[in-house]
C-alpha cells in the first residue's frame, strides 16, 4: 500500500488548523466531537463522509514508507547552525507571536473531553489541603507559603500557554471558586498577550514568563502544590537533551496524586513527513521555516521521560487520525500522542 497521502501546503482539513502549537479545532465542531477513538472507517468508499476518522491503522507498507521518507531527510544541519537555533529560540518565538498575536489560534474546547481533570472537581476539605502542602510529609519550598493562588484548593499550571487558548477555556468552563490557574510561556510577547486579554483576571490566574528547558529556573509556586500540569504541543519544542530535566522539575511541583497531562506530535505525523532536506537537527527533531523547532515522539520515549521522573502511567495512547477535506478530496494522516501520568500518593501506615 502507498505511503500516507499528505496534502501539499498548509493543513486543509475542514475542521482542523495546523499551528506550531498543534492542531486547533473550530469551536462548534470541537464542542460536539466525542472523545477520540469512536468513529471508525470500515468502508474506504465512505472516507469523505466525515471530516475525521479515529484509530486509523497503518499497514506495514505505510509504516515502512514513512520510515523511508524520514530517513531521506535525516541529514542533520551543521553543529554551528543548530547552536544558532538553540541560542535564538526565544527570539524566534517572540517574532512568531509579534507577527500573529492572537489571530493564529483557536480555543481548545476539546480539552474537557480528553482531560476531564480540567473541569470542576470534587475538592478535599481545605484543612486537608493545607496539611498536604505544608505538612511534615510534604514540606513547602516557600518559607512564607505566600504565593499567587496560595488560598486556592485546586491548582492547574499550563506550561507553554501561548496566547491563552487553553487557559481561557478552562477559566470559562470551570466555575469552581477554589480554582487557580497558572500559565507560563517562553515568549514574553505571548505572556503579554495573555495579560492584555479582557478575560484575564489576576484573582484566579497568574501568567508569567518561564523557560521550562532551564531546570534551575524557579517557578512562582512551591513544590508539591499543583493538582494538574498541562503540556499541549509544548514539550516537542524543547531540545531532546533538555526534556528529562524539564519533566523532573515539573514533577516536583505536583502534589501526591497530582497528574501531568500531555498531548503532542507522534512519530510519522503528517507534519514530520512534510519536512524537506535541510530542516533536520537530529533524529526526529526539526526546525521550521520560522526558526521554531519540533520533535516527534513515540509512546515509549514519553513513558521513559515520565517514569524516570517518578510518575506512574494512567494513560499513554496514540491518536492516529485520518483527517479529510471533503471539498478538495484530500486525506491527511495525523499521529498524536496523549498521556496522563500521576505522581505517587504518599503511603500511610
C-alpha atoms as a PDB file:
ATOM      1  CA  UNK A   1       0.000   0.000   0.000  1.00  0.00           C
ATOM      2  CA  UNK A   2       1.235   3.530  -0.698  1.00  0.00           C
ATOM      3  CA  UNK A   3       2.602   5.858   1.981  1.00  0.00           C
ATOM      4  CA  UNK A   4       0.074   8.001   3.844  1.00  0.00           C
ATOM      5  CA  UNK A   5      -1.298  10.623   1.470  1.00  0.00           C
ATOM      6  CA  UNK A   6      -0.232  14.055   2.594  1.00  0.00           C
ATOM      7  CA  UNK A   7      -1.791  17.193   1.223  1.00  0.00           C
ATOM      8  CA  UNK A   8       0.644  19.792  -0.012  1.00  0.00           C
ATOM      9  CA  UNK A   9       0.853  23.158   1.721  1.00  0.00           C
ATOM     10  CA  UNK A  10      -0.869  24.080   4.975  1.00  0.00           C
ATOM     11  CA  UNK A  11      -3.314  21.653   6.537  1.00  0.00           C
ATOM     12  CA  UNK A  12      -6.592  21.867   4.698  1.00  0.00           C
ATOM     13  CA  UNK A  13      -8.902  19.837   6.900  1.00  0.00           C
ATOM     14  CA  UNK A  14     -12.289  21.469   7.218  1.00  0.00           C
ATOM     15  CA  UNK A  15     -12.310  21.452  10.998  1.00  0.00           C
ATOM     16  CA  UNK A  16      -8.632  21.469  11.961  1.00  0.00           C
ATOM     17  CA  UNK A  17      -5.896  24.054  11.567  1.00  0.00           C
ATOM     18  CA  UNK A  18      -2.220  23.157  11.948  1.00  0.00           C
ATOM     19  CA  UNK A  19      -0.154  25.587  14.011  1.00  0.00           C
ATOM     20  CA  UNK A  20       3.220  25.474  15.679  1.00  0.00           C
ATOM     21  CA  UNK A  21       1.278  24.951  18.912  1.00  0.00           C
ATOM     22  CA  UNK A  22      -0.536  21.960  17.458  1.00  0.00           C
ATOM     23  CA  UNK A  23      -3.822  21.477  15.639  1.00  0.00           C
ATOM     24  CA  UNK A  24      -6.792  23.562  16.759  1.00  0.00           C
ATOM     25  CA  UNK A  25     -10.420  22.804  16.025  1.00  0.00           C
ATOM     26  CA  UNK A  26     -13.276  25.094  15.164  1.00  0.00           C
ATOM     27  CA  UNK A  27     -15.302  25.663  18.332  1.00  0.00           C
ATOM     28  CA  UNK A  28     -18.642  24.278  17.133  1.00  0.00           C
ATOM     29  CA  UNK A  29     -17.072  21.099  15.784  1.00  0.00           C
ATOM     30  CA  UNK A  30     -14.908  20.614  18.861  1.00  0.00           C
ATOM     31  CA  UNK A  31     -17.755  21.024  21.328  1.00  0.00           C
ATOM     32  CA  UNK A  32     -19.811  18.271  19.694  1.00  0.00           C
ATOM     33  CA  UNK A  33     -16.851  15.947  18.978  1.00  0.00           C
ATOM     34  CA  UNK A  34     -16.876  12.803  21.141  1.00  0.00           C
ATOM     35  CA  UNK A  35     -13.722  11.534  22.772  1.00  0.00           C
ATOM     36  CA  UNK A  36     -11.318  10.273  20.142  1.00  0.00           C
ATOM     37  CA  UNK A  37     -11.492   6.618  19.255  1.00  0.00           C
ATOM     38  CA  UNK A  38     -15.213   6.428  18.484  1.00  0.00           C
ATOM     39  CA  UNK A  39     -15.501   6.919  14.717  1.00  0.00           C
ATOM     40  CA  UNK A  40     -14.061   4.129  12.597  1.00  0.00           C
ATOM     41  CA  UNK A  41     -13.588   3.893   8.845  1.00  0.00           C
ATOM     42  CA  UNK A  42     -14.757   0.379   7.957  1.00  0.00           C
ATOM     43  CA  UNK A  43     -15.501   1.044   4.302  1.00  0.00           C
ATOM     44  CA  UNK A  44     -12.826   3.018   2.396  1.00  0.00           C
ATOM     45  CA  UNK A  45     -15.504   4.159  -0.041  1.00  0.00           C
ATOM     46  CA  UNK A  46     -17.046   6.207   2.796  1.00  0.00           C
ATOM     47  CA  UNK A  47     -13.846   8.144   3.592  1.00  0.00           C
ATOM     48  CA  UNK A  48     -15.298  11.510   2.568  1.00  0.00           C
ATOM     49  CA  UNK A  49     -18.493  11.126   4.587  1.00  0.00           C
ATOM     50  CA  UNK A  50     -16.921  12.751   7.672  1.00  0.00           C
ATOM     51  CA  UNK A  51     -14.151  15.245   8.425  1.00  0.00           C
ATOM     52  CA  UNK A  52     -12.100  12.815  10.515  1.00  0.00           C
ATOM     53  CA  UNK A  53     -11.755   9.112  11.307  1.00  0.00           C
ATOM     54  CA  UNK A  54     -10.270   7.705  14.516  1.00  0.00           C
ATOM     55  CA  UNK A  55      -7.778   4.935  15.195  1.00  0.00           C
ATOM     56  CA  UNK A  56      -6.817   4.525  11.558  1.00  0.00           C
ATOM     57  CA  UNK A  57      -4.400   1.628  11.379  1.00  0.00           C
ATOM     58  CA  UNK A  58      -1.421   1.815   9.043  1.00  0.00           C
ATOM     59  CA  UNK A  59      -0.285  -1.167   7.044  1.00  0.00           C
ATOM     60  CA  UNK A  60       3.297  -2.396   7.276  1.00  0.00           C
ATOM     61  CA  UNK A  61       3.908  -0.862   3.850  1.00  0.00           C
ATOM     62  CA  UNK A  62       2.695   2.557   5.025  1.00  0.00           C
ATOM     63  CA  UNK A  63       4.895   2.400   8.096  1.00  0.00           C
ATOM     64  CA  UNK A  64       7.934   1.446   6.002  1.00  0.00           C
ATOM     65  CA  UNK A  65       7.234   4.235   3.509  1.00  0.00           C
ATOM     66  CA  UNK A  66       7.051   6.766   6.352  1.00  0.00           C
ATOM     67  CA  UNK A  67      10.327   5.493   7.806  1.00  0.00           C
ATOM     68  CA  UNK A  68      11.972   5.804   4.409  1.00  0.00           C
ATOM     69  CA  UNK A  69      10.694   9.347   3.981  1.00  0.00           C
ATOM     70  CA  UNK A  70      12.114  10.375   7.347  1.00  0.00           C
ATOM     71  CA  UNK A  71      15.450   8.696   6.650  1.00  0.00           C
ATOM     72  CA  UNK A  72      15.786  10.506   3.337  1.00  0.00           C
ATOM     73  CA  UNK A  73      15.602  13.871   5.107  1.00  0.00           C
ATOM     74  CA  UNK A  74      17.544  12.967   8.253  1.00  0.00           C
ATOM     75  CA  UNK A  75      20.909  14.538   7.453  1.00  0.00           C
ATOM     76  CA  UNK A  76      21.411  16.954  10.384  1.00  0.00           C
ATOM     77  CA  UNK A  77      22.381  20.578   9.947  1.00  0.00           C
ATOM     78  CA  UNK A  78      25.938  21.617  10.919  1.00  0.00           C
ATOM     79  CA  UNK A  79      26.565  21.984  14.659  1.00  0.00           C
ATOM     80  CA  UNK A  80      27.080  25.754  14.446  1.00  0.00           C
ATOM     81  CA  UNK A  81      23.714  26.194  12.725  1.00  0.00           C
ATOM     82  CA  UNK A  82      21.990  24.061  15.350  1.00  0.00           C
ATOM     83  CA  UNK A  83      23.595  26.136  18.100  1.00  0.00           C
ATOM     84  CA  UNK A  84      22.250  29.279  16.483  1.00  0.00           C
ATOM     85  CA  UNK A  85      18.688  27.949  16.534  1.00  0.00           C
ATOM     86  CA  UNK A  86      19.136  26.967  20.176  1.00  0.00           C
ATOM     87  CA  UNK A  87      20.569  30.323  21.255  1.00  0.00           C
ATOM     88  CA  UNK A  88      17.938  32.329  19.375  1.00  0.00           C
ATOM     89  CA  UNK A  89      14.926  30.214  20.340  1.00  0.00           C
ATOM     90  CA  UNK A  90      13.423  32.992  22.449  1.00  0.00           C
ATOM     91  CA  UNK A  91      13.828  35.464  19.601  1.00  0.00           C
ATOM     92  CA  UNK A  92      12.085  33.161  17.124  1.00  0.00           C
ATOM     93  CA  UNK A  93       9.095  32.603  19.414  1.00  0.00           C
ATOM     94  CA  UNK A  94       8.755  36.294  20.209  1.00  0.00           C
ATOM     95  CA  UNK A  95       8.838  37.046  16.494  1.00  0.00           C
ATOM     96  CA  UNK A  96       6.154  34.452  15.909  1.00  0.00           C
ATOM     97  CA  UNK A  97       3.764  35.976  18.449  1.00  0.00           C
ATOM     98  CA  UNK A  98       4.584  39.511  17.362  1.00  0.00           C
ATOM     99  CA  UNK A  99       3.516  38.626  13.816  1.00  0.00           C
ATOM    100  CA  UNK A 100       0.450  36.536  14.608  1.00  0.00           C
ATOM    101  CA  UNK A 101      -0.640  37.916  18.014  1.00  0.00           C
ATOM    102  CA  UNK A 102      -3.851  36.019  18.861  1.00  0.00           C
ATOM    103  CA  UNK A 103      -5.153  35.653  15.305  1.00  0.00           C
ATOM    104  CA  UNK A 104      -3.376  32.366  14.603  1.00  0.00           C
ATOM    105  CA  UNK A 105      -5.087  30.272  17.266  1.00  0.00           C
ATOM    106  CA  UNK A 106      -8.471  28.885  18.219  1.00  0.00           C
ATOM    107  CA  UNK A 107      -9.570  27.885  21.697  1.00  0.00           C
ATOM    108  CA  UNK A 108      -9.120  24.209  22.562  1.00  0.00           C
ATOM    109  CA  UNK A 109     -12.623  23.226  23.592  1.00  0.00           C
ATOM    110  CA  UNK A 110     -11.786  19.530  23.126  1.00  0.00           C
ATOM    111  CA  UNK A 111      -9.692  19.660  26.297  1.00  0.00           C
ATOM    112  CA  UNK A 112     -12.578  18.803  28.601  1.00  0.00           C
ATOM    113  CA  UNK A 113     -13.493  15.720  26.592  1.00  0.00           C
ATOM    114  CA  UNK A 114      -9.986  14.311  26.631  1.00  0.00           C
ATOM    115  CA  UNK A 115      -8.913  15.686  30.022  1.00  0.00           C
ATOM    116  CA  UNK A 116     -11.836  15.844  32.479  1.00  0.00           C
ATOM    117  CA  UNK A 117      -9.302  16.756  35.182  1.00  0.00           C
ATOM    118  CA  UNK A 118      -9.590  20.329  33.861  1.00  0.00           C
ATOM    119  CA  UNK A 119     -13.336  20.504  34.570  1.00  0.00           C
ATOM    120  CA  UNK A 120     -14.805  21.280  38.031  1.00  0.00           C
ATOM    121  CA  UNK A 121     -13.626  18.787  40.642  1.00  0.00           C
ATOM    122  CA  UNK A 122     -14.780  17.430  43.969  1.00  0.00           C
ATOM    123  CA  UNK A 123     -12.222  19.058  46.243  1.00  0.00           C
ATOM    124  CA  UNK A 124     -10.825  17.755  49.529  1.00  0.00           C
ATOM    125  CA  UNK A 125     -11.515  19.869  52.625  1.00  0.00           C
ATOM    126  CA  UNK A 126      -9.366  22.976  52.886  1.00  0.00           C
ATOM    127  CA  UNK A 127      -7.794  21.760  56.124  1.00  0.00           C
ATOM    128  CA  UNK A 128      -6.605  18.556  54.461  1.00  0.00           C
ATOM    129  CA  UNK A 129      -5.344  20.635  51.535  1.00  0.00           C
ATOM    130  CA  UNK A 130      -3.200  22.780  53.815  1.00  0.00           C
ATOM    131  CA  UNK A 131      -1.822  19.731  55.601  1.00  0.00           C
ATOM    132  CA  UNK A 132      -0.975  18.127  52.273  1.00  0.00           C
ATOM    133  CA  UNK A 133       1.049  21.132  51.133  1.00  0.00           C
ATOM    134  CA  UNK A 134       2.691  22.277  54.359  1.00  0.00           C
ATOM    135  CA  UNK A 135       2.656  19.158  56.492  1.00  0.00           C
ATOM    136  CA  UNK A 136       5.688  17.209  57.622  1.00  0.00           C
ATOM    137  CA  UNK A 137       5.385  14.619  54.859  1.00  0.00           C
ATOM    138  CA  UNK A 138       5.371  17.203  52.043  1.00  0.00           C
ATOM    139  CA  UNK A 139       7.171  20.391  53.105  1.00  0.00           C
ATOM    140  CA  UNK A 140       6.641  23.579  51.134  1.00  0.00           C
ATOM    141  CA  UNK A 141       9.648  25.018  49.312  1.00  0.00           C
ATOM    142  CA  UNK A 142       8.445  28.588  50.055  1.00  0.00           C
ATOM    143  CA  UNK A 143       9.259  29.529  53.642  1.00  0.00           C
ATOM    144  CA  UNK A 144       6.481  32.104  53.946  1.00  0.00           C
ATOM    145  CA  UNK A 145       3.958  29.994  51.994  1.00  0.00           C
ATOM    146  CA  UNK A 146       2.737  33.184  50.301  1.00  0.00           C
ATOM    147  CA  UNK A 147       2.454  32.854  46.528  1.00  0.00           C
ATOM    148  CA  UNK A 148      -0.180  33.603  43.871  1.00  0.00           C
ATOM    149  CA  UNK A 149      -3.132  31.296  44.433  1.00  0.00           C
ATOM    150  CA  UNK A 150      -1.961  30.226  47.893  1.00  0.00           C
ATOM    151  CA  UNK A 151      -5.532  30.037  49.188  1.00  0.00           C
ATOM    152  CA  UNK A 152      -6.831  28.012  46.233  1.00  0.00           C
ATOM    153  CA  UNK A 153      -7.983  24.425  46.710  1.00  0.00           C
ATOM    154  CA  UNK A 154      -7.378  23.286  43.124  1.00  0.00           C
ATOM    155  CA  UNK A 155      -4.392  24.490  41.100  1.00  0.00           C
ATOM    156  CA  UNK A 156      -3.657  23.984  37.419  1.00  0.00           C
ATOM    157  CA  UNK A 157      -0.477  25.015  35.579  1.00  0.00           C
ATOM    158  CA  UNK A 158      -0.190  25.168  31.827  1.00  0.00           C
ATOM    159  CA  UNK A 159       3.376  25.284  30.533  1.00  0.00           C
ATOM    160  CA  UNK A 160       3.716  26.783  27.064  1.00  0.00           C
ATOM    161  CA  UNK A 161       0.434  28.683  27.252  1.00  0.00           C
ATOM    162  CA  UNK A 162       0.893  30.721  24.077  1.00  0.00           C
ATOM    163  CA  UNK A 163      -1.853  33.339  23.878  1.00  0.00           C
ATOM    164  CA  UNK A 164      -4.169  31.514  26.288  1.00  0.00           C
ATOM    165  CA  UNK A 165      -6.168  29.121  24.102  1.00  0.00           C
ATOM    166  CA  UNK A 166      -6.120  26.521  26.850  1.00  0.00           C
ATOM    167  CA  UNK A 167      -6.205  28.833  29.869  1.00  0.00           C
ATOM    168  CA  UNK A 168      -9.228  30.914  28.935  1.00  0.00           C
ATOM    169  CA  UNK A 169     -11.470  27.928  28.066  1.00  0.00           C
ATOM    170  CA  UNK A 170     -10.555  26.454  31.478  1.00  0.00           C
ATOM    171  CA  UNK A 171     -11.459  29.678  33.262  1.00  0.00           C
ATOM    172  CA  UNK A 172     -14.726  29.977  31.319  1.00  0.00           C
ATOM    173  CA  UNK A 173     -15.737  26.326  31.789  1.00  0.00           C
ATOM    174  CA  UNK A 174     -14.511  25.569  35.299  1.00  0.00           C
ATOM    175  CA  UNK A 175     -16.507  27.755  37.723  1.00  0.00           C
ATOM    176  CA  UNK A 176     -15.017  26.146  40.818  1.00  0.00           C
ATOM    177  CA  UNK A 177     -14.462  29.040  43.277  1.00  0.00           C
ATOM    178  CA  UNK A 178     -11.388  27.268  44.631  1.00  0.00           C
ATOM    179  CA  UNK A 179      -9.691  27.083  41.219  1.00  0.00           C
ATOM    180  CA  UNK A 180      -6.493  28.981  40.415  1.00  0.00           C
ATOM    181  CA  UNK A 181      -4.783  28.664  37.029  1.00  0.00           C
ATOM    182  CA  UNK A 182      -1.118  29.408  36.363  1.00  0.00           C
ATOM    183  CA  UNK A 183       0.205  29.756  32.843  1.00  0.00           C
ATOM    184  CA  UNK A 184       3.663  30.427  31.507  1.00  0.00           C
ATOM    185  CA  UNK A 185       5.447  30.696  28.209  1.00  0.00           C
ATOM    186  CA  UNK A 186       8.987  31.063  26.944  1.00  0.00           C
ATOM    187  CA  UNK A 187       7.872  34.091  24.945  1.00  0.00           C
ATOM    188  CA  UNK A 188       7.346  37.357  26.809  1.00  0.00           C
ATOM    189  CA  UNK A 189       5.277  38.542  23.847  1.00  0.00           C
ATOM    190  CA  UNK A 190       2.849  35.635  24.312  1.00  0.00           C
ATOM    191  CA  UNK A 191       2.529  36.306  28.046  1.00  0.00           C
ATOM    192  CA  UNK A 192       1.848  39.992  27.388  1.00  0.00           C
ATOM    193  CA  UNK A 193      -0.949  38.952  25.023  1.00  0.00           C
ATOM    194  CA  UNK A 194      -2.464  36.735  27.714  1.00  0.00           C
ATOM    195  CA  UNK A 195      -2.355  39.548  30.278  1.00  0.00           C
ATOM    196  CA  UNK A 196      -3.887  42.038  27.842  1.00  0.00           C
ATOM    197  CA  UNK A 197      -6.841  39.727  27.138  1.00  0.00           C
ATOM    198  CA  UNK A 198     -10.016  41.214  28.698  1.00  0.00           C
ATOM    199  CA  UNK A 199     -10.783  37.782  30.188  1.00  0.00           C
ATOM    200  CA  UNK A 200      -7.525  37.723  32.167  1.00  0.00           C
ATOM    201  CA  UNK A 201      -8.305  38.001  35.888  1.00  0.00           C
ATOM    202  CA  UNK A 202      -5.347  38.093  38.331  1.00  0.00           C
ATOM    203  CA  UNK A 203      -7.643  36.952  41.139  1.00  0.00           C
ATOM    204  CA  UNK A 204      -7.849  33.471  39.579  1.00  0.00           C
ATOM    205  CA  UNK A 205      -4.989  33.388  37.067  1.00  0.00           C
ATOM    206  CA  UNK A 206      -1.281  34.185  37.108  1.00  0.00           C
ATOM    207  CA  UNK A 207       0.651  34.445  33.821  1.00  0.00           C
ATOM    208  CA  UNK A 208       4.441  34.615  33.834  1.00  0.00           C
ATOM    209  CA  UNK A 209       7.457  34.198  31.575  1.00  0.00           C
ATOM    210  CA  UNK A 210       9.369  30.969  32.122  1.00  0.00           C
ATOM    211  CA  UNK A 211      11.864  28.831  30.216  1.00  0.00           C
ATOM    212  CA  UNK A 212      10.918  25.255  31.071  1.00  0.00           C
ATOM    213  CA  UNK A 213      14.137  23.983  29.495  1.00  0.00           C
ATOM    214  CA  UNK A 214      16.090  25.755  32.260  1.00  0.00           C
ATOM    215  CA  UNK A 215      15.684  23.274  35.091  1.00  0.00           C
ATOM    216  CA  UNK A 216      17.336  25.689  37.544  1.00  0.00           C
ATOM    217  CA  UNK A 217      14.746  28.437  36.938  1.00  0.00           C
ATOM    218  CA  UNK A 218      12.299  28.830  39.811  1.00  0.00           C
ATOM    219  CA  UNK A 219       8.549  28.684  39.384  1.00  0.00           C
ATOM    220  CA  UNK A 220       6.485  31.193  41.422  1.00  0.00           C
ATOM    221  CA  UNK A 221       4.762  28.315  43.207  1.00  0.00           C
ATOM    222  CA  UNK A 222       6.094  25.848  45.760  1.00  0.00           C
ATOM    223  CA  UNK A 223       6.847  22.209  45.142  1.00  0.00           C
ATOM    224  CA  UNK A 224       4.038  19.721  45.916  1.00  0.00           C
ATOM    225  CA  UNK A 225       1.312  22.328  45.331  1.00  0.00           C
ATOM    226  CA  UNK A 226      -0.239  21.585  41.916  1.00  0.00           C
ATOM    227  CA  UNK A 227      -3.148  19.289  41.126  1.00  0.00           C
ATOM    228  CA  UNK A 228      -2.669  19.346  37.344  1.00  0.00           C
ATOM    229  CA  UNK A 229       0.093  20.300  34.918  1.00  0.00           C
ATOM    230  CA  UNK A 230      -0.834  20.685  31.246  1.00  0.00           C
ATOM    231  CA  UNK A 231       1.599  20.304  28.333  1.00  0.00           C
ATOM    232  CA  UNK A 232      -0.173  20.781  24.994  1.00  0.00           C
ATOM    233  CA  UNK A 233       2.170  20.650  21.993  1.00  0.00           C
ATOM    234  CA  UNK A 234       4.992  22.242  24.003  1.00  0.00           C
ATOM    235  CA  UNK A 235       7.436  19.522  25.105  1.00  0.00           C
ATOM    236  CA  UNK A 236       8.172  18.878  21.426  1.00  0.00           C
ATOM    237  CA  UNK A 237       9.594  22.410  21.128  1.00  0.00           C
ATOM    238  CA  UNK A 238      12.434  21.628  23.548  1.00  0.00           C
ATOM    239  CA  UNK A 239      15.823  20.248  22.628  1.00  0.00           C
ATOM    240  CA  UNK A 240      15.622  16.485  23.311  1.00  0.00           C
ATOM    241  CA  UNK A 241      18.613  16.663  25.665  1.00  0.00           C
ATOM    242  CA  UNK A 242      16.735  19.107  27.905  1.00  0.00           C
ATOM    243  CA  UNK A 243      13.457  17.209  28.142  1.00  0.00           C
ATOM    244  CA  UNK A 244      14.223  14.890  31.074  1.00  0.00           C
ATOM    245  CA  UNK A 245      15.414  17.597  33.453  1.00  0.00           C
ATOM    246  CA  UNK A 246      12.412  19.722  32.498  1.00  0.00           C
ATOM    247  CA  UNK A 247       9.978  16.912  33.330  1.00  0.00           C
ATOM    248  CA  UNK A 248      11.836  16.131  36.570  1.00  0.00           C
ATOM    249  CA  UNK A 249      11.388  19.749  37.649  1.00  0.00           C
ATOM    250  CA  UNK A 250       7.696  19.785  36.794  1.00  0.00           C
ATOM    251  CA  UNK A 251       7.101  16.529  38.662  1.00  0.00           C
ATOM    252  CA  UNK A 252       8.335  18.157  41.855  1.00  0.00           C
ATOM    253  CA  UNK A 253       5.578  20.770  41.566  1.00  0.00           C
ATOM    254  CA  UNK A 254       2.818  18.142  41.660  1.00  0.00           C
ATOM    255  CA  UNK A 255       1.051  17.150  44.848  1.00  0.00           C
ATOM    256  CA  UNK A 256       0.994  13.436  45.640  1.00  0.00           C
ATOM    257  CA  UNK A 257      -1.783  12.185  43.403  1.00  0.00           C
ATOM    258  CA  UNK A 258      -1.449  15.149  41.022  1.00  0.00           C
ATOM    259  CA  UNK A 259      -1.469  14.484  37.292  1.00  0.00           C
ATOM    260  CA  UNK A 260       0.519  15.646  34.296  1.00  0.00           C
ATOM    261  CA  UNK A 261      -1.464  15.844  31.033  1.00  0.00           C
ATOM    262  CA  UNK A 262       0.236  15.868  27.641  1.00  0.00           C
ATOM    263  CA  UNK A 263      -0.789  15.921  24.006  1.00  0.00           C
ATOM    264  CA  UNK A 264       1.929  16.246  21.392  1.00  0.00           C
ATOM    265  CA  UNK A 265       3.219  15.169  17.996  1.00  0.00           C
ATOM    266  CA  UNK A 266       3.685  11.453  17.349  1.00  0.00           C
ATOM    267  CA  UNK A 267       6.278   9.742  15.171  1.00  0.00           C
ATOM    268  CA  UNK A 268       5.491   9.898  11.433  1.00  0.00           C
ATOM    269  CA  UNK A 269       2.795  12.531  11.817  1.00  0.00           C
ATOM    270  CA  UNK A 270       1.991  14.324   8.573  1.00  0.00           C
ATOM    271  CA  UNK A 271       3.929  17.359   9.793  1.00  0.00           C
ATOM    272  CA  UNK A 272       7.101  15.258  10.127  1.00  0.00           C
ATOM    273  CA  UNK A 273       6.749  13.727   6.685  1.00  0.00           C
ATOM    274  CA  UNK A 274       6.424  17.184   5.128  1.00  0.00           C
ATOM    275  CA  UNK A 275       9.866  18.362   6.231  1.00  0.00           C
ATOM    276  CA  UNK A 276      12.326  18.721   3.381  1.00  0.00           C
ATOM    277  CA  UNK A 277      16.077  18.223   3.401  1.00  0.00           C
ATOM    278  CA  UNK A 278      17.984  20.855   5.319  1.00  0.00           C
ATOM    279  CA  UNK A 279      15.460  21.038   8.199  1.00  0.00           C
ATOM    280  CA  UNK A 280      16.646  18.134  10.363  1.00  0.00           C
ATOM    281  CA  UNK A 281      18.524  18.944  13.590  1.00  0.00           C
ATOM    282  CA  UNK A 282      18.817  15.396  14.933  1.00  0.00           C
ATOM    283  CA  UNK A 283      16.786  12.198  14.854  1.00  0.00           C
ATOM    284  CA  UNK A 284      13.097  13.194  14.652  1.00  0.00           C
ATOM    285  CA  UNK A 285      13.899  16.806  15.615  1.00  0.00           C
ATOM    286  CA  UNK A 286      13.416  19.591  13.048  1.00  0.00           C
ATOM    287  CA  UNK A 287      13.426  23.337  12.568  1.00  0.00           C
ATOM    288  CA  UNK A 288      10.541  25.081  10.837  1.00  0.00           C
ATOM    289  CA  UNK A 289      10.919  27.905   8.359  1.00  0.00           C
ATOM    290  CA  UNK A 290      10.289  30.476  11.117  1.00  0.00           C
ATOM    291  CA  UNK A 291      13.086  29.099  13.311  1.00  0.00           C
ATOM    292  CA  UNK A 292      10.873  27.294  15.844  1.00  0.00           C
ATOM    293  CA  UNK A 293      11.646  23.641  16.475  1.00  0.00           C
ATOM    294  CA  UNK A 294       9.632  20.448  16.863  1.00  0.00           C
ATOM    295  CA  UNK A 295      10.233  16.847  17.954  1.00  0.00           C
ATOM    296  CA  UNK A 296       8.067  13.813  17.088  1.00  0.00           C
ATOM    297  CA  UNK A 297       7.613  11.294  19.927  1.00  0.00           C
ATOM    298  CA  UNK A 298       6.951   7.611  20.381  1.00  0.00           C
ATOM    299  CA  UNK A 299       4.897   6.309  23.290  1.00  0.00           C
ATOM    300  CA  UNK A 300       7.951   4.606  24.756  1.00  0.00           C
ATOM    301  CA  UNK A 301      10.000   7.806  24.716  1.00  0.00           C
ATOM    302  CA  UNK A 302       7.345   9.689  26.638  1.00  0.00           C
ATOM    303  CA  UNK A 303       6.858   6.823  29.068  1.00  0.00           C
ATOM    304  CA  UNK A 304      10.566   6.779  29.809  1.00  0.00           C
ATOM    305  CA  UNK A 305      10.605  10.547  30.410  1.00  0.00           C
ATOM    306  CA  UNK A 306       7.681  10.458  32.835  1.00  0.00           C
ATOM    307  CA  UNK A 307       8.526   7.246  34.661  1.00  0.00           C
ATOM    308  CA  UNK A 308      12.118   8.430  35.147  1.00  0.00           C
ATOM    309  CA  UNK A 309      10.625  11.490  36.876  1.00  0.00           C
ATOM    310  CA  UNK A 310       8.786   9.225  39.318  1.00  0.00           C
ATOM    311  CA  UNK A 311       5.368   9.409  37.671  1.00  0.00           C
ATOM    312  CA  UNK A 312       3.100   6.412  37.080  1.00  0.00           C
ATOM    313  CA  UNK A 313       1.148   5.808  33.891  1.00  0.00           C
ATOM    314  CA  UNK A 314      -2.582   6.412  33.804  1.00  0.00           C
ATOM    315  CA  UNK A 315      -2.856   6.763  30.026  1.00  0.00           C
ATOM    316  CA  UNK A 316      -0.435   6.611  27.094  1.00  0.00           C
ATOM    317  CA  UNK A 317      -2.265   6.483  23.764  1.00  0.00           C
ATOM    318  CA  UNK A 318      -1.530   7.089  20.110  1.00  0.00           C
ATOM    319  CA  UNK A 319      -4.267   9.015  18.326  1.00  0.00           C
ATOM    320  CA  UNK A 320      -3.941   8.030  14.674  1.00  0.00           C
ATOM    321  CA  UNK A 321      -6.473  10.139  12.868  1.00  0.00           C
ATOM    322  CA  UNK A 322      -7.332  10.437   9.199  1.00  0.00           C
ATOM    323  CA  UNK A 323      -8.464  13.998   8.520  1.00  0.00           C
ATOM    324  CA  UNK A 324     -10.416  14.723   5.384  1.00  0.00           C
ATOM    325  CA  UNK A 325     -11.082  17.796   3.298  1.00  0.00           C
ATOM    326  CA  UNK A 326     -14.260  16.803   1.541  1.00  0.00           C
ATOM    327  CA  UNK A 327     -14.284  19.857  -0.700  1.00  0.00           C
ATOM    328  CA  UNK A 328     -10.821  19.205  -2.116  1.00  0.00           C
ATOM    329  CA  UNK A 329     -10.975  15.398  -1.744  1.00  0.00           C
ATOM    330  CA  UNK A 330      -7.777  15.365   0.316  1.00  0.00           C
ATOM    331  CA  UNK A 331      -6.775  12.956   3.092  1.00  0.00           C
ATOM    332  CA  UNK A 332      -4.222  13.730   5.794  1.00  0.00           C
ATOM    333  CA  UNK A 333      -2.818  11.239   8.279  1.00  0.00           C
ATOM    334  CA  UNK A 334      -2.173  12.692  11.748  1.00  0.00           C
ATOM    335  CA  UNK A 335      -0.368  10.999  14.601  1.00  0.00           C
ATOM    336  CA  UNK A 336      -0.535  12.449  18.112  1.00  0.00           C
ATOM    337  CA  UNK A 337       0.358  11.020  21.499  1.00  0.00           C
ATOM    338  CA  UNK A 338      -1.813  11.663  24.542  1.00  0.00           C
ATOM    339  CA  UNK A 339      -0.612  10.919  28.071  1.00  0.00           C
ATOM    340  CA  UNK A 340      -1.715  11.146  31.677  1.00  0.00           C
ATOM    341  CA  UNK A 341       0.846  10.382  34.380  1.00  0.00           C
ATOM    342  CA  UNK A 342       0.230  10.594  38.108  1.00  0.00           C
ATOM    343  CA  UNK A 343       2.540  11.375  40.993  1.00  0.00           C
ATOM    344  CA  UNK A 344       2.589   8.576  43.539  1.00  0.00           C
ATOM    345  CA  UNK A 345       0.424   9.150  46.571  1.00  0.00           C
ATOM    346  CA  UNK A 346       2.162   9.088  49.929  1.00  0.00           C
ATOM    347  CA  UNK A 347       1.527   5.739  51.588  1.00  0.00           C
ATOM    348  CA  UNK A 348       0.132   5.948  55.110  1.00  0.00           C
ATOM    349  CA  UNK A 349       0.588   3.329  57.766  1.00  0.00           C
END
